[in-house]
Amino acid sequence: MAAIMGSRIPPMFEVGETYQLEWAEGGDHTYQSAKVIAWEAPLLKVELQSGERIINTASALFIGATERHSPPLDIGALLGGLDGR
C-alpha cells in the first residue's frame, strides 16, 4: 500500500518501550529483552541486563523484534478475593 502524501509513518521502535529482540550470533539465534533508549534508523540503542548496546537493524544478523506488553491485571487476584464472596 502506498503512503499517502504528507502522512507520517510511525516509528518502528518507541523509546521507553521494551521489546524481545532476536538476532543471529555464532550460528545460533539469540533472544533478549531490551528497553529502547534511542532509535535513529537503522541504529537502535537498547538497555540490556549486561549494559547498553547499539544494534544495526539493517544488518543481516538482526532477525526481528516483538513488543513486550505487560499482561492485563487480574484485579480479583490482587484484592485476594475481596469481592464479597
N, C-alpha and C. Protein backbone atom coordinates (compact mmCIF):
# COMPACT_ATOMS: atom_id res chain seq x y z
N MET A 1 0.84 -1.17 0.00
CA MET A 1 0.00 0.00 0.00
C MET A 1 0.89 1.24 0.00
N ALA A 2 0.63 2.13 -0.89
CA ALA A 2 1.44 3.35 -0.99
C ALA A 2 1.09 4.32 0.12
N ALA A 3 2.10 5.02 0.60
CA ALA A 3 1.88 6.02 1.65
C ALA A 3 1.14 7.21 1.07
N ILE A 4 0.26 7.77 1.85
CA ILE A 4 -0.46 8.97 1.42
C ILE A 4 0.47 10.16 1.59
N MET A 5 0.54 10.98 0.57
CA MET A 5 1.44 12.12 0.60
C MET A 5 1.16 13.00 1.82
N GLY A 6 2.19 13.31 2.56
CA GLY A 6 2.06 14.14 3.75
C GLY A 6 1.76 13.36 5.01
N SER A 7 1.51 12.05 4.90
CA SER A 7 1.24 11.27 6.11
C SER A 7 2.54 10.91 6.80
N ARG A 8 2.47 10.75 8.11
CA ARG A 8 3.66 10.42 8.89
C ARG A 8 3.66 8.92 9.14
N ILE A 9 4.76 8.28 8.81
CA ILE A 9 4.91 6.85 9.06
C ILE A 9 5.34 6.68 10.52
N PRO A 10 4.62 5.89 11.31
CA PRO A 10 5.00 5.74 12.71
C PRO A 10 6.37 5.05 12.83
N PRO A 11 7.12 5.38 13.88
CA PRO A 11 8.44 4.77 14.05
C PRO A 11 8.34 3.27 14.31
N MET A 12 9.36 2.55 13.89
CA MET A 12 9.38 1.11 14.09
C MET A 12 9.51 0.78 15.58
N PHE A 13 10.29 1.58 16.30
CA PHE A 13 10.51 1.36 17.73
C PHE A 13 10.13 2.61 18.50
N GLU A 14 9.57 2.43 19.68
CA GLU A 14 9.20 3.54 20.55
C GLU A 14 10.18 3.62 21.70
N VAL A 15 10.78 4.79 21.93
CA VAL A 15 11.70 4.99 23.04
C VAL A 15 10.95 4.76 24.34
N GLY A 16 11.57 4.00 25.24
CA GLY A 16 10.96 3.69 26.53
C GLY A 16 10.21 2.37 26.56
N GLU A 17 9.90 1.82 25.39
CA GLU A 17 9.19 0.54 25.33
C GLU A 17 10.18 -0.62 25.40
N THR A 18 9.69 -1.78 25.81
CA THR A 18 10.53 -2.98 25.91
C THR A 18 10.14 -3.94 24.79
N TYR A 19 11.15 -4.53 24.17
CA TYR A 19 10.96 -5.46 23.05
C TYR A 19 11.75 -6.73 23.30
N GLN A 20 11.27 -7.83 22.75
CA GLN A 20 12.02 -9.09 22.72
C GLN A 20 12.76 -9.08 21.39
N LEU A 21 14.08 -8.96 21.44
CA LEU A 21 14.89 -8.88 20.22
C LEU A 21 15.43 -10.25 19.86
N GLU A 22 15.61 -10.48 18.57
CA GLU A 22 16.18 -11.73 18.08
C GLU A 22 17.25 -11.40 17.05
N TRP A 23 18.44 -12.00 17.22
CA TRP A 23 19.49 -11.83 16.24
C TRP A 23 20.33 -13.08 16.16
N ALA A 24 21.05 -13.22 15.06
CA ALA A 24 21.92 -14.38 14.85
C ALA A 24 23.28 -14.07 15.45
N GLU A 25 23.82 -15.07 16.15
CA GLU A 25 25.11 -14.88 16.80
C GLU A 25 25.80 -16.24 16.88
N GLY A 26 26.91 -16.37 16.17
CA GLY A 26 27.66 -17.62 16.20
C GLY A 26 26.90 -18.82 15.68
N GLY A 27 26.02 -18.62 14.71
CA GLY A 27 25.26 -19.72 14.15
C GLY A 27 23.98 -20.04 14.92
N ASP A 28 23.76 -19.39 16.04
CA ASP A 28 22.55 -19.60 16.84
C ASP A 28 21.70 -18.34 16.83
N HIS A 29 20.47 -18.50 17.27
CA HIS A 29 19.59 -17.35 17.44
C HIS A 29 19.64 -16.93 18.90
N THR A 30 19.79 -15.64 19.14
CA THR A 30 19.81 -15.09 20.49
C THR A 30 18.53 -14.27 20.68
N TYR A 31 17.89 -14.47 21.82
CA TYR A 31 16.68 -13.73 22.17
C TYR A 31 16.98 -12.99 23.47
N GLN A 32 16.63 -11.71 23.52
CA GLN A 32 16.87 -10.96 24.74
C GLN A 32 15.88 -9.81 24.84
N SER A 33 15.41 -9.60 26.05
CA SER A 33 14.51 -8.48 26.32
C SER A 33 15.35 -7.22 26.45
N ALA A 34 14.89 -6.13 25.81
CA ALA A 34 15.66 -4.88 25.82
C ALA A 34 14.73 -3.69 25.83
N LYS A 35 15.12 -2.66 26.58
CA LYS A 35 14.37 -1.41 26.63
C LYS A 35 15.02 -0.42 25.67
N VAL A 36 14.23 0.20 24.80
CA VAL A 36 14.76 1.12 23.80
C VAL A 36 15.12 2.46 24.46
N ILE A 37 16.37 2.87 24.26
CA ILE A 37 16.86 4.15 24.76
C ILE A 37 16.80 5.19 23.66
N ALA A 38 17.14 4.79 22.43
CA ALA A 38 17.12 5.71 21.29
C ALA A 38 16.90 4.91 20.01
N TRP A 39 16.27 5.55 19.05
CA TRP A 39 16.02 4.93 17.74
C TRP A 39 16.26 5.97 16.67
N GLU A 40 17.30 5.72 15.89
CA GLU A 40 17.63 6.57 14.75
C GLU A 40 17.96 5.62 13.61
N ALA A 41 16.92 5.26 12.86
CA ALA A 41 17.03 4.21 11.85
C ALA A 41 18.30 4.32 11.03
N PRO A 42 19.01 3.22 10.85
CA PRO A 42 18.69 1.86 11.28
C PRO A 42 19.29 1.49 12.64
N LEU A 43 19.83 2.46 13.38
CA LEU A 43 20.50 2.14 14.64
C LEU A 43 19.53 2.20 15.82
N LEU A 44 19.59 1.15 16.63
CA LEU A 44 18.72 1.00 17.79
C LEU A 44 19.60 0.89 19.03
N LYS A 45 19.46 1.84 19.95
CA LYS A 45 20.23 1.80 21.19
C LYS A 45 19.31 1.26 22.27
N VAL A 46 19.76 0.16 22.92
CA VAL A 46 18.92 -0.51 23.91
C VAL A 46 19.69 -0.71 25.21
N GLU A 47 18.90 -0.91 26.26
CA GLU A 47 19.45 -1.24 27.57
C GLU A 47 19.15 -2.71 27.83
N LEU A 48 20.22 -3.49 27.99
CA LEU A 48 20.12 -4.91 28.28
C LEU A 48 20.55 -5.12 29.73
N GLN A 49 20.37 -6.32 30.23
CA GLN A 49 20.84 -6.63 31.58
C GLN A 49 22.35 -6.45 31.69
N SER A 50 23.05 -6.69 30.59
CA SER A 50 24.51 -6.60 30.58
C SER A 50 25.02 -5.19 30.28
N GLY A 51 24.12 -4.25 30.05
CA GLY A 51 24.52 -2.88 29.74
C GLY A 51 23.85 -2.38 28.48
N GLU A 52 24.35 -1.27 27.96
CA GLU A 52 23.78 -0.68 26.74
C GLU A 52 24.45 -1.29 25.51
N ARG A 53 23.66 -1.35 24.43
CA ARG A 53 24.17 -1.90 23.17
C ARG A 53 23.51 -1.16 22.02
N ILE A 54 24.25 -0.94 20.96
CA ILE A 54 23.71 -0.36 19.74
C ILE A 54 23.61 -1.47 18.71
N ILE A 55 22.43 -1.62 18.15
CA ILE A 55 22.16 -2.69 17.19
C ILE A 55 21.82 -2.07 15.84
N ASN A 56 22.47 -2.55 14.80
CA ASN A 56 22.17 -2.11 13.44
C ASN A 56 21.05 -3.00 12.91
N THR A 57 19.83 -2.47 12.88
CA THR A 57 18.68 -3.27 12.46
C THR A 57 18.69 -3.57 10.96
N ALA A 58 19.59 -2.93 10.20
CA ALA A 58 19.72 -3.21 8.77
C ALA A 58 20.66 -4.38 8.53
N SER A 59 21.33 -4.84 9.58
CA SER A 59 22.27 -5.95 9.45
C SER A 59 21.53 -7.25 9.16
N ALA A 60 22.17 -8.11 8.40
CA ALA A 60 21.60 -9.42 8.11
C ALA A 60 21.52 -10.28 9.38
N LEU A 61 22.26 -9.92 10.42
CA LEU A 61 22.24 -10.67 11.68
C LEU A 61 21.03 -10.33 12.55
N PHE A 62 20.42 -9.16 12.31
CA PHE A 62 19.23 -8.77 13.07
C PHE A 62 18.04 -9.48 12.45
N ILE A 63 17.31 -10.24 13.26
CA ILE A 63 16.20 -11.03 12.73
C ILE A 63 14.86 -10.33 12.97
N GLY A 64 14.63 -9.82 14.18
CA GLY A 64 13.35 -9.17 14.42
C GLY A 64 13.17 -8.74 15.85
N ALA A 65 12.00 -8.16 16.12
CA ALA A 65 11.66 -7.68 17.45
C ALA A 65 10.15 -7.79 17.65
N THR A 66 9.77 -8.11 18.87
CA THR A 66 8.38 -8.19 19.25
C THR A 66 8.17 -7.29 20.46
N GLU A 67 7.18 -6.41 20.39
CA GLU A 67 6.92 -5.52 21.52
C GLU A 67 6.39 -6.34 22.69
N ARG A 68 6.92 -6.05 23.86
CA ARG A 68 6.52 -6.77 25.08
C ARG A 68 5.51 -5.93 25.83
N HIS A 69 4.32 -6.46 26.00
CA HIS A 69 3.28 -5.77 26.76
C HIS A 69 3.12 -6.46 28.10
N SER A 70 2.81 -5.69 29.10
CA SER A 70 2.52 -6.27 30.40
C SER A 70 1.18 -6.99 30.30
N PRO A 71 1.07 -8.16 30.95
CA PRO A 71 -0.22 -8.85 30.92
C PRO A 71 -1.27 -8.03 31.67
N PRO A 72 -2.54 -8.18 31.30
CA PRO A 72 -3.58 -7.42 32.00
C PRO A 72 -3.64 -7.83 33.47
N LEU A 73 -3.93 -6.88 34.31
CA LEU A 73 -4.01 -7.15 35.74
C LEU A 73 -5.29 -7.89 36.08
N ASP A 74 -5.19 -8.88 36.97
CA ASP A 74 -6.36 -9.59 37.49
C ASP A 74 -6.69 -8.93 38.82
N ILE A 75 -7.63 -8.00 38.80
CA ILE A 75 -7.97 -7.22 40.00
C ILE A 75 -8.43 -8.13 41.13
N GLY A 76 -9.22 -9.15 40.81
CA GLY A 76 -9.70 -10.07 41.84
C GLY A 76 -8.55 -10.75 42.56
N ALA A 77 -7.54 -11.18 41.80
CA ALA A 77 -6.38 -11.82 42.41
C ALA A 77 -5.58 -10.83 43.25
N LEU A 78 -5.49 -9.59 42.78
CA LEU A 78 -4.76 -8.56 43.53
C LEU A 78 -5.43 -8.25 44.86
N LEU A 79 -6.77 -8.28 44.86
CA LEU A 79 -7.50 -7.96 46.07
C LEU A 79 -7.67 -9.19 46.97
N GLY A 80 -7.17 -10.31 46.52
CA GLY A 80 -7.23 -11.53 47.33
C GLY A 80 -8.64 -12.04 47.59
N GLY A 81 -9.50 -11.92 46.60
CA GLY A 81 -10.86 -12.44 46.73
C GLY A 81 -11.76 -11.54 47.56
N LEU A 82 -11.46 -10.27 47.69
CA LEU A 82 -12.26 -9.35 48.47
C LEU A 82 -13.46 -8.83 47.67
N ASP A 83 -14.06 -9.70 46.89
CA ASP A 83 -15.18 -9.28 46.05
C ASP A 83 -16.53 -9.62 46.68
N GLY A 84 -16.52 -9.92 47.98
CA GLY A 84 -17.77 -10.18 48.69
C GLY A 84 -18.21 -11.63 48.68
N ARG A 85 -17.41 -12.52 48.14
CA ARG A 85 -17.78 -13.94 48.11
C ARG A 85 -17.23 -14.66 49.29
